[in-house]
Amino acid sequence: MSKEPYKSGLIKKSPYIAKREILGEIVAILDIIIDERGMKLIDPMSRALAKNSICEIAITDEEDASPGKVVNHVGYIGFMEVKNGGVAVVGDEVYISDRLIGVIAGFDTTHAPNHITLLLKADEVSTGGKLNLKIGNSVKILMS
């Protein structure tokens, strides 16, 4: 098996200089916060999001949340269907209905291959219910 370039330190910063935005739509809304989640973020700093795939969106306020870390304080936003696929990268900004929700801190694959979770970092943990999301709200993932 090949050496994992992120974990081994071969790649120290994002190699991405340009990429298209990822567009999606909220298909399910969640309303739960877990204080002791123990979510282990994978080491890679990017994931391809295929058109028509479903991804979960969650959020944390833990400042050190990043690839390879374990995150406990997690709020669940909802699930999005990818309408315009692309590559999501740690640090990308995630907007729902043109409102900045947070930046990608990392990815969780606990439920793969069913779905991956995009874990966002923000000043405050929230939920889809607290954000008053609606089915069909637009999602945009933009390079920061």
N, C-alpha and C. Protein backbone atom coordinates (compact mmCIF):
# COMPACT_ATOMS: atom_id res chain seq x y z
N MET A 1 0.85 -1.18 0.00
CA MET A 1 0.00 0.00 0.00
C MET A 1 0.89 1.25 0.00
N SER A 2 0.47 2.26 -0.71
CA SER A 2 1.22 3.51 -0.80
C SER A 2 1.21 4.26 0.52
N LYS A 3 2.20 5.11 0.68
CA LYS A 3 2.29 5.99 1.84
C LYS A 3 1.21 7.06 1.71
N GLU A 4 0.47 7.33 2.78
CA GLU A 4 -0.56 8.37 2.77
C GLU A 4 0.15 9.73 2.84
N PRO A 5 0.09 10.56 1.78
CA PRO A 5 0.92 11.76 1.73
C PRO A 5 0.57 12.83 2.76
N TYR A 6 -0.67 12.88 3.21
CA TYR A 6 -1.04 13.89 4.21
C TYR A 6 -0.52 13.48 5.59
N LYS A 7 -0.82 12.26 5.99
CA LYS A 7 -0.41 11.77 7.31
C LYS A 7 1.10 11.72 7.45
N SER A 8 1.78 11.35 6.37
CA SER A 8 3.24 11.22 6.42
C SER A 8 3.95 12.58 6.35
N GLY A 9 3.21 13.65 6.12
CA GLY A 9 3.80 14.98 6.10
C GLY A 9 4.38 15.40 4.76
N LEU A 10 4.16 14.61 3.71
CA LEU A 10 4.65 14.99 2.39
C LEU A 10 3.93 16.22 1.86
N ILE A 11 2.66 16.36 2.24
CA ILE A 11 1.87 17.52 1.83
C ILE A 11 1.55 18.32 3.08
N LYS A 12 2.10 19.52 3.18
CA LYS A 12 1.96 20.34 4.40
C LYS A 12 0.90 21.43 4.28
N LYS A 13 0.55 21.78 3.03
CA LYS A 13 -0.49 22.79 2.81
C LYS A 13 -1.29 22.37 1.59
N SER A 14 -2.41 23.00 1.41
CA SER A 14 -3.27 22.65 0.29
C SER A 14 -2.57 22.88 -1.03
N PRO A 15 -2.54 21.86 -1.90
CA PRO A 15 -1.94 22.04 -3.22
C PRO A 15 -2.91 22.66 -4.24
N TYR A 16 -4.15 22.90 -3.84
CA TYR A 16 -5.16 23.41 -4.77
C TYR A 16 -4.99 24.90 -5.01
N ILE A 17 -4.88 25.27 -6.29
CA ILE A 17 -4.79 26.70 -6.61
C ILE A 17 -6.08 27.21 -7.24
N ALA A 18 -6.91 26.30 -7.74
CA ALA A 18 -8.22 26.67 -8.30
C ALA A 18 -9.07 25.41 -8.36
N LYS A 19 -10.37 25.60 -8.21
CA LYS A 19 -11.33 24.50 -8.36
C LYS A 19 -12.73 25.10 -8.47
N ARG A 20 -13.63 24.36 -9.09
CA ARG A 20 -14.98 24.90 -9.25
C ARG A 20 -15.77 24.73 -7.96
N GLU A 21 -16.80 25.55 -7.84
CA GLU A 21 -17.66 25.46 -6.66
C GLU A 21 -18.49 24.19 -6.73
N ILE A 22 -18.81 23.68 -5.56
CA ILE A 22 -19.71 22.53 -5.44
C ILE A 22 -21.07 23.08 -5.08
N LEU A 23 -22.09 22.64 -5.80
CA LEU A 23 -23.46 23.09 -5.53
C LEU A 23 -24.28 21.90 -5.06
N GLY A 24 -25.17 22.16 -4.13
CA GLY A 24 -26.04 21.11 -3.63
C GLY A 24 -27.35 21.66 -3.12
N GLU A 25 -28.10 20.76 -2.53
CA GLU A 25 -29.44 21.11 -2.04
C GLU A 25 -29.71 20.30 -0.78
N ILE A 26 -30.29 20.93 0.22
CA ILE A 26 -30.64 20.24 1.46
C ILE A 26 -31.78 19.27 1.19
N VAL A 27 -31.57 17.99 1.59
CA VAL A 27 -32.60 16.96 1.39
C VAL A 27 -33.12 16.39 2.70
N ALA A 28 -32.44 16.68 3.81
CA ALA A 28 -32.91 16.27 5.14
C ALA A 28 -32.33 17.24 6.15
N ILE A 29 -33.10 17.56 7.17
CA ILE A 29 -32.69 18.52 8.19
C ILE A 29 -32.56 17.79 9.52
N LEU A 30 -31.46 18.07 10.22
CA LEU A 30 -31.19 17.43 11.51
C LEU A 30 -31.24 18.45 12.63
N ASP A 31 -31.50 17.98 13.83
CA ASP A 31 -31.63 18.87 14.99
C ASP A 31 -31.14 18.16 16.25
N ILE A 32 -29.82 17.92 16.32
CA ILE A 32 -29.24 17.27 17.48
C ILE A 32 -27.81 17.76 17.69
N ILE A 33 -27.43 17.91 18.95
CA ILE A 33 -26.06 18.25 19.33
C ILE A 33 -25.57 17.13 20.24
N ILE A 34 -24.36 16.64 19.97
CA ILE A 34 -23.75 15.59 20.79
C ILE A 34 -22.48 16.17 21.40
N ASP A 35 -22.35 16.05 22.73
CA ASP A 35 -21.21 16.63 23.44
C ASP A 35 -20.00 15.70 23.50
N GLU A 36 -20.18 14.42 23.39
CA GLU A 36 -19.07 13.46 23.47
C GLU A 36 -19.07 12.57 22.24
N ARG A 37 -19.09 13.15 21.06
CA ARG A 37 -19.23 12.39 19.81
C ARG A 37 -18.05 11.46 19.53
N GLY A 38 -16.82 11.91 19.77
CA GLY A 38 -15.65 11.10 19.46
C GLY A 38 -15.48 10.89 17.97
N MET A 39 -15.80 11.90 17.18
CA MET A 39 -15.69 11.82 15.72
C MET A 39 -14.22 11.93 15.32
N LYS A 40 -13.70 10.89 14.67
CA LYS A 40 -12.29 10.86 14.23
C LYS A 40 -12.24 11.32 12.78
N LEU A 41 -11.67 12.49 12.57
CA LEU A 41 -11.54 13.00 11.20
C LEU A 41 -10.41 12.27 10.48
N ILE A 42 -10.64 11.95 9.21
CA ILE A 42 -9.63 11.24 8.44
C ILE A 42 -8.46 12.18 8.15
N ASP A 43 -7.32 11.59 7.83
CA ASP A 43 -6.12 12.39 7.57
C ASP A 43 -6.16 13.22 6.29
N PRO A 44 -6.69 12.69 5.17
CA PRO A 44 -6.69 13.51 3.95
C PRO A 44 -7.46 14.82 4.12
N MET A 45 -6.95 15.86 3.47
CA MET A 45 -7.57 17.18 3.57
C MET A 45 -8.57 17.47 2.46
N SER A 46 -8.82 16.46 1.60
CA SER A 46 -9.78 16.69 0.52
C SER A 46 -10.57 15.41 0.26
N ARG A 47 -11.76 15.60 -0.30
CA ARG A 47 -12.62 14.49 -0.71
C ARG A 47 -13.35 14.92 -1.97
N ALA A 48 -13.47 13.99 -2.91
CA ALA A 48 -14.27 14.23 -4.10
C ALA A 48 -15.73 14.01 -3.74
N LEU A 49 -16.59 14.93 -4.13
CA LEU A 49 -18.03 14.80 -3.92
C LEU A 49 -18.68 14.62 -5.28
N ALA A 50 -19.15 13.42 -5.54
CA ALA A 50 -19.71 13.09 -6.84
C ALA A 50 -21.12 13.65 -7.01
N LYS A 51 -21.42 14.05 -8.24
CA LYS A 51 -22.77 14.50 -8.57
C LYS A 51 -23.78 13.43 -8.15
N ASN A 52 -24.87 13.86 -7.56
CA ASN A 52 -25.98 13.03 -7.08
C ASN A 52 -25.68 12.27 -5.79
N SER A 53 -24.47 12.40 -5.23
CA SER A 53 -24.19 11.74 -3.96
C SER A 53 -24.82 12.54 -2.82
N ILE A 54 -24.95 11.89 -1.68
CA ILE A 54 -25.53 12.51 -0.49
C ILE A 54 -24.43 12.63 0.56
N CYS A 55 -24.30 13.82 1.16
CA CYS A 55 -23.31 14.08 2.19
C CYS A 55 -24.00 14.66 3.41
N GLU A 56 -23.51 14.31 4.58
CA GLU A 56 -24.01 14.89 5.82
C GLU A 56 -23.18 16.12 6.14
N ILE A 57 -23.83 17.12 6.72
CA ILE A 57 -23.14 18.33 7.16
C ILE A 57 -23.31 18.44 8.67
N ALA A 58 -22.17 18.57 9.37
CA ALA A 58 -22.17 18.75 10.82
C ALA A 58 -21.24 19.92 11.13
N ILE A 59 -21.29 20.40 12.37
CA ILE A 59 -20.53 21.60 12.73
C ILE A 59 -19.98 21.48 14.14
N THR A 60 -18.79 22.04 14.36
CA THR A 60 -18.19 22.08 15.69
C THR A 60 -17.64 23.46 15.96
N ASP A 61 -17.44 23.75 17.24
CA ASP A 61 -16.79 24.99 17.64
C ASP A 61 -15.41 24.71 18.23
N GLU A 62 -14.94 23.47 18.12
CA GLU A 62 -13.63 23.12 18.64
C GLU A 62 -12.55 23.70 17.72
N GLU A 63 -11.75 24.62 18.26
CA GLU A 63 -10.78 25.36 17.45
C GLU A 63 -9.73 24.47 16.80
N ASP A 64 -9.36 23.36 17.44
CA ASP A 64 -8.31 22.50 16.88
C ASP A 64 -8.85 21.40 15.97
N ALA A 65 -10.14 21.44 15.64
CA ALA A 65 -10.72 20.44 14.73
C ALA A 65 -10.00 20.52 13.39
N SER A 66 -9.40 19.41 12.99
CA SER A 66 -8.63 19.35 11.75
C SER A 66 -8.37 17.89 11.41
N PRO A 67 -7.89 17.63 10.20
CA PRO A 67 -7.66 16.24 9.80
C PRO A 67 -6.81 15.47 10.83
N GLY A 68 -7.26 14.24 11.13
CA GLY A 68 -6.56 13.39 12.08
C GLY A 68 -6.97 13.58 13.53
N LYS A 69 -7.73 14.61 13.83
CA LYS A 69 -8.14 14.92 15.20
C LYS A 69 -9.45 14.23 15.56
N VAL A 70 -9.71 14.12 16.87
CA VAL A 70 -10.98 13.62 17.38
C VAL A 70 -11.78 14.82 17.87
N VAL A 71 -13.05 14.89 17.46
CA VAL A 71 -13.92 16.03 17.77
C VAL A 71 -15.11 15.52 18.58
N ASN A 72 -15.45 16.22 19.65
CA ASN A 72 -16.54 15.78 20.52
C ASN A 72 -17.80 16.63 20.44
N HIS A 73 -17.67 17.95 20.43
CA HIS A 73 -18.85 18.83 20.46
C HIS A 73 -19.33 19.07 19.03
N VAL A 74 -20.38 18.34 18.62
CA VAL A 74 -20.83 18.34 17.23
C VAL A 74 -22.33 18.59 17.15
N GLY A 75 -22.72 19.53 16.29
CA GLY A 75 -24.11 19.77 15.98
C GLY A 75 -24.38 19.29 14.56
N TYR A 76 -25.55 18.74 14.34
CA TYR A 76 -25.88 18.18 13.03
C TYR A 76 -26.83 19.10 12.28
N ILE A 77 -26.42 19.46 11.06
CA ILE A 77 -27.15 20.40 10.22
C ILE A 77 -28.16 19.68 9.33
N GLY A 78 -27.68 18.70 8.58
CA GLY A 78 -28.56 17.98 7.67
C GLY A 78 -27.79 17.24 6.61
N PHE A 79 -28.51 16.80 5.59
CA PHE A 79 -27.91 16.10 4.46
C PHE A 79 -28.13 16.92 3.20
N MET A 80 -27.13 16.91 2.34
CA MET A 80 -27.24 17.60 1.05
C MET A 80 -27.05 16.61 -0.08
N GLU A 81 -27.76 16.86 -1.17
CA GLU A 81 -27.52 16.13 -2.41
C GLU A 81 -26.62 17.00 -3.28
N VAL A 82 -25.55 16.43 -3.78
CA VAL A 82 -24.61 17.16 -4.62
C VAL A 82 -25.20 17.29 -6.03
N LYS A 83 -25.37 18.51 -6.49
CA LYS A 83 -25.91 18.79 -7.82
C LYS A 83 -24.80 19.06 -8.83
N ASN A 84 -23.71 19.64 -8.36
CA ASN A 84 -22.55 19.97 -9.19
C ASN A 84 -21.34 19.47 -8.41
N GLY A 85 -20.82 18.31 -8.80
CA GLY A 85 -19.73 17.69 -8.06
C GLY A 85 -18.43 18.46 -8.15
N GLY A 86 -17.50 18.05 -7.32
CA GLY A 86 -16.19 18.69 -7.30
C GLY A 86 -15.37 18.15 -6.15
N VAL A 87 -14.35 18.89 -5.78
CA VAL A 87 -13.44 18.48 -4.71
C VAL A 87 -13.60 19.44 -3.54
N ALA A 88 -13.97 18.89 -2.38
CA ALA A 88 -14.09 19.68 -1.15
C ALA A 88 -12.75 19.60 -0.41
N VAL A 89 -12.29 20.73 0.11
CA VAL A 89 -10.98 20.81 0.75
C VAL A 89 -11.12 21.51 2.10
N VAL A 90 -10.34 21.04 3.07
CA VAL A 90 -10.31 21.71 4.38
C VAL A 90 -10.05 23.19 4.14
N GLY A 91 -10.84 24.03 4.80
CA GLY A 91 -10.74 25.48 4.65
C GLY A 91 -11.78 26.06 3.70
N ASP A 92 -12.42 25.21 2.88
CA ASP A 92 -13.48 25.71 2.00
C ASP A 92 -14.63 26.27 2.82
N GLU A 93 -15.27 27.29 2.30
CA GLU A 93 -16.42 27.90 2.96
C GLU A 93 -17.70 27.20 2.51
N VAL A 94 -18.61 26.97 3.46
CA VAL A 94 -19.88 26.32 3.16
C VAL A 94 -21.00 27.30 3.45
N TYR A 95 -21.80 27.56 2.41
CA TYR A 95 -22.93 28.48 2.50
C TYR A 95 -24.22 27.69 2.31
N ILE A 96 -25.22 28.02 3.10
CA ILE A 96 -26.56 27.49 2.88
C ILE A 96 -27.47 28.68 2.67
N SER A 97 -28.13 28.71 1.52
CA SER A 97 -28.96 29.86 1.11
C SER A 97 -28.19 31.17 1.26
N ASP A 98 -26.97 31.17 0.75
CA ASP A 98 -26.08 32.34 0.73
C ASP A 98 -25.65 32.83 2.11
N ARG A 99 -25.85 32.03 3.16
CA ARG A 99 -25.40 32.36 4.52
C ARG A 99 -24.21 31.49 4.86
N LEU A 100 -23.07 32.10 5.23
CA LEU A 100 -21.89 31.34 5.60
C LEU A 100 -22.18 30.57 6.89
N ILE A 101 -22.07 29.24 6.81
CA ILE A 101 -22.33 28.38 7.97
C ILE A 101 -21.03 28.05 8.69
N GLY A 102 -19.96 27.84 7.94
CA GLY A 102 -18.67 27.52 8.52
C GLY A 102 -17.68 27.12 7.44
N VAL A 103 -16.49 26.74 7.87
CA VAL A 103 -15.46 26.27 6.94
C VAL A 103 -15.19 24.80 7.22
N ILE A 104 -14.83 24.07 6.18
CA ILE A 104 -14.59 22.64 6.36
C ILE A 104 -13.36 22.43 7.23
N ALA A 105 -13.56 21.67 8.33
CA ALA A 105 -12.48 21.31 9.25
C ALA A 105 -11.90 19.95 8.89
N GLY A 106 -12.74 19.09 8.31
CA GLY A 106 -12.29 17.75 7.96
C GLY A 106 -13.47 16.88 7.57
N PHE A 107 -13.18 15.59 7.42
CA PHE A 107 -14.16 14.64 6.90
C PHE A 107 -14.21 13.41 7.80
N ASP A 108 -15.42 12.89 8.02
CA ASP A 108 -15.62 11.68 8.80
C ASP A 108 -16.23 10.62 7.88
N THR A 109 -15.69 9.40 7.96
CA THR A 109 -16.16 8.32 7.09
C THR A 109 -16.83 7.19 7.87
N THR A 110 -17.28 7.48 9.08
CA THR A 110 -17.92 6.45 9.92
C THR A 110 -19.01 5.71 9.17
N HIS A 111 -19.82 6.41 8.40
CA HIS A 111 -20.99 5.80 7.75
C HIS A 111 -20.75 5.47 6.27
N ALA A 112 -19.50 5.60 5.80
CA ALA A 112 -19.19 5.23 4.41
C ALA A 112 -19.32 3.72 4.25
N PRO A 113 -19.79 3.26 3.12
CA PRO A 113 -19.97 3.99 1.87
C PRO A 113 -21.33 4.66 1.72
N ASN A 114 -22.17 4.60 2.74
CA ASN A 114 -23.48 5.25 2.63
C ASN A 114 -23.33 6.76 2.40
N HIS A 115 -22.53 7.40 3.22
CA HIS A 115 -22.26 8.83 3.07
C HIS A 115 -21.02 9.20 3.86
N ILE A 116 -20.44 10.36 3.52
CA ILE A 116 -19.39 10.93 4.35
C ILE A 116 -19.98 12.15 5.04
N THR A 117 -19.32 12.56 6.10
CA THR A 117 -19.74 13.76 6.83
C THR A 117 -18.71 14.85 6.59
N LEU A 118 -19.21 16.02 6.19
CA LEU A 118 -18.38 17.21 6.10
C LEU A 118 -18.49 17.90 7.45
N LEU A 119 -17.41 17.95 8.20
CA LEU A 119 -17.44 18.63 9.49
C LEU A 119 -16.95 20.05 9.31
N LEU A 120 -17.82 20.99 9.65
CA LEU A 120 -17.50 22.41 9.54
C LEU A 120 -17.04 22.94 10.88
N LYS A 121 -16.25 23.99 10.84
CA LYS A 121 -15.82 24.69 12.04
C LYS A 121 -16.44 26.08 12.01
N ALA A 122 -16.99 26.49 13.15
CA ALA A 122 -17.59 27.83 13.27
C ALA A 122 -17.42 28.30 14.70
N ASP A 123 -17.81 29.53 14.97
CA ASP A 123 -17.71 30.07 16.33
C ASP A 123 -18.69 29.42 17.28
N GLU A 124 -19.79 28.91 16.73
CA GLU A 124 -20.87 28.36 17.55
C GLU A 124 -21.42 27.09 16.91
N VAL A 125 -21.70 26.10 17.75
CA VAL A 125 -22.35 24.87 17.26
C VAL A 125 -23.82 25.17 17.06
N SER A 126 -24.37 24.66 15.96
CA SER A 126 -25.78 24.85 15.68
C SER A 126 -26.35 23.57 15.10
N THR A 127 -27.60 23.63 14.69
CA THR A 127 -28.27 22.50 14.05
C THR A 127 -29.11 23.04 12.90
N GLY A 128 -29.54 22.13 12.04
CA GLY A 128 -30.43 22.55 10.95
C GLY A 128 -31.72 23.15 11.48
N GLY A 129 -32.22 22.60 12.60
CA GLY A 129 -33.43 23.14 13.21
C GLY A 129 -33.23 24.55 13.72
N LYS A 130 -32.11 24.79 14.42
CA LYS A 130 -31.84 26.13 14.94
C LYS A 130 -31.61 27.14 13.83
N LEU A 131 -31.10 26.65 12.69
CA LEU A 131 -30.87 27.54 11.55
C LEU A 131 -32.11 27.74 10.69
N ASN A 132 -33.21 27.10 11.09
CA ASN A 132 -34.48 27.19 10.36
C ASN A 132 -34.35 26.79 8.89
N LEU A 133 -33.58 25.73 8.64
CA LEU A 133 -33.41 25.27 7.27
C LEU A 133 -34.69 24.68 6.74
N LYS A 134 -34.79 24.68 5.42
CA LYS A 134 -35.94 24.10 4.72
C LYS A 134 -35.40 23.12 3.68
N ILE A 135 -36.19 22.09 3.39
CA ILE A 135 -35.84 21.17 2.32
C ILE A 135 -35.73 21.99 1.03
N GLY A 136 -34.66 21.76 0.29
CA GLY A 136 -34.44 22.49 -0.96
C GLY A 136 -33.53 23.69 -0.83
N ASN A 137 -33.16 24.09 0.41
CA ASN A 137 -32.21 25.20 0.55
C ASN A 137 -30.93 24.89 -0.25
N SER A 138 -30.40 25.90 -0.91
CA SER A 138 -29.18 25.71 -1.70
C SER A 138 -27.96 25.61 -0.80
N VAL A 139 -26.99 24.81 -1.23
CA VAL A 139 -25.71 24.68 -0.55
C VAL A 139 -24.63 25.00 -1.57
N LYS A 140 -23.64 25.81 -1.15
CA LYS A 140 -22.48 26.12 -1.99
C LYS A 140 -21.23 25.87 -1.17
N ILE A 141 -20.27 25.19 -1.78
CA ILE A 141 -18.97 24.99 -1.16
C ILE A 141 -17.96 25.70 -2.05
N LEU A 142 -17.30 26.73 -1.48
CA LEU A 142 -16.42 27.60 -2.25
C LEU A 142 -15.01 27.58 -1.68
N MET A 143 -14.07 27.65 -2.56
CA MET A 143 -12.66 27.75 -2.15
C MET A 143 -12.48 29.07 -1.41
N SER A 144 -11.81 29.01 -0.28
CA SER A 144 -11.61 30.26 0.49
C SER A 144 -10.37 30.99 0.07
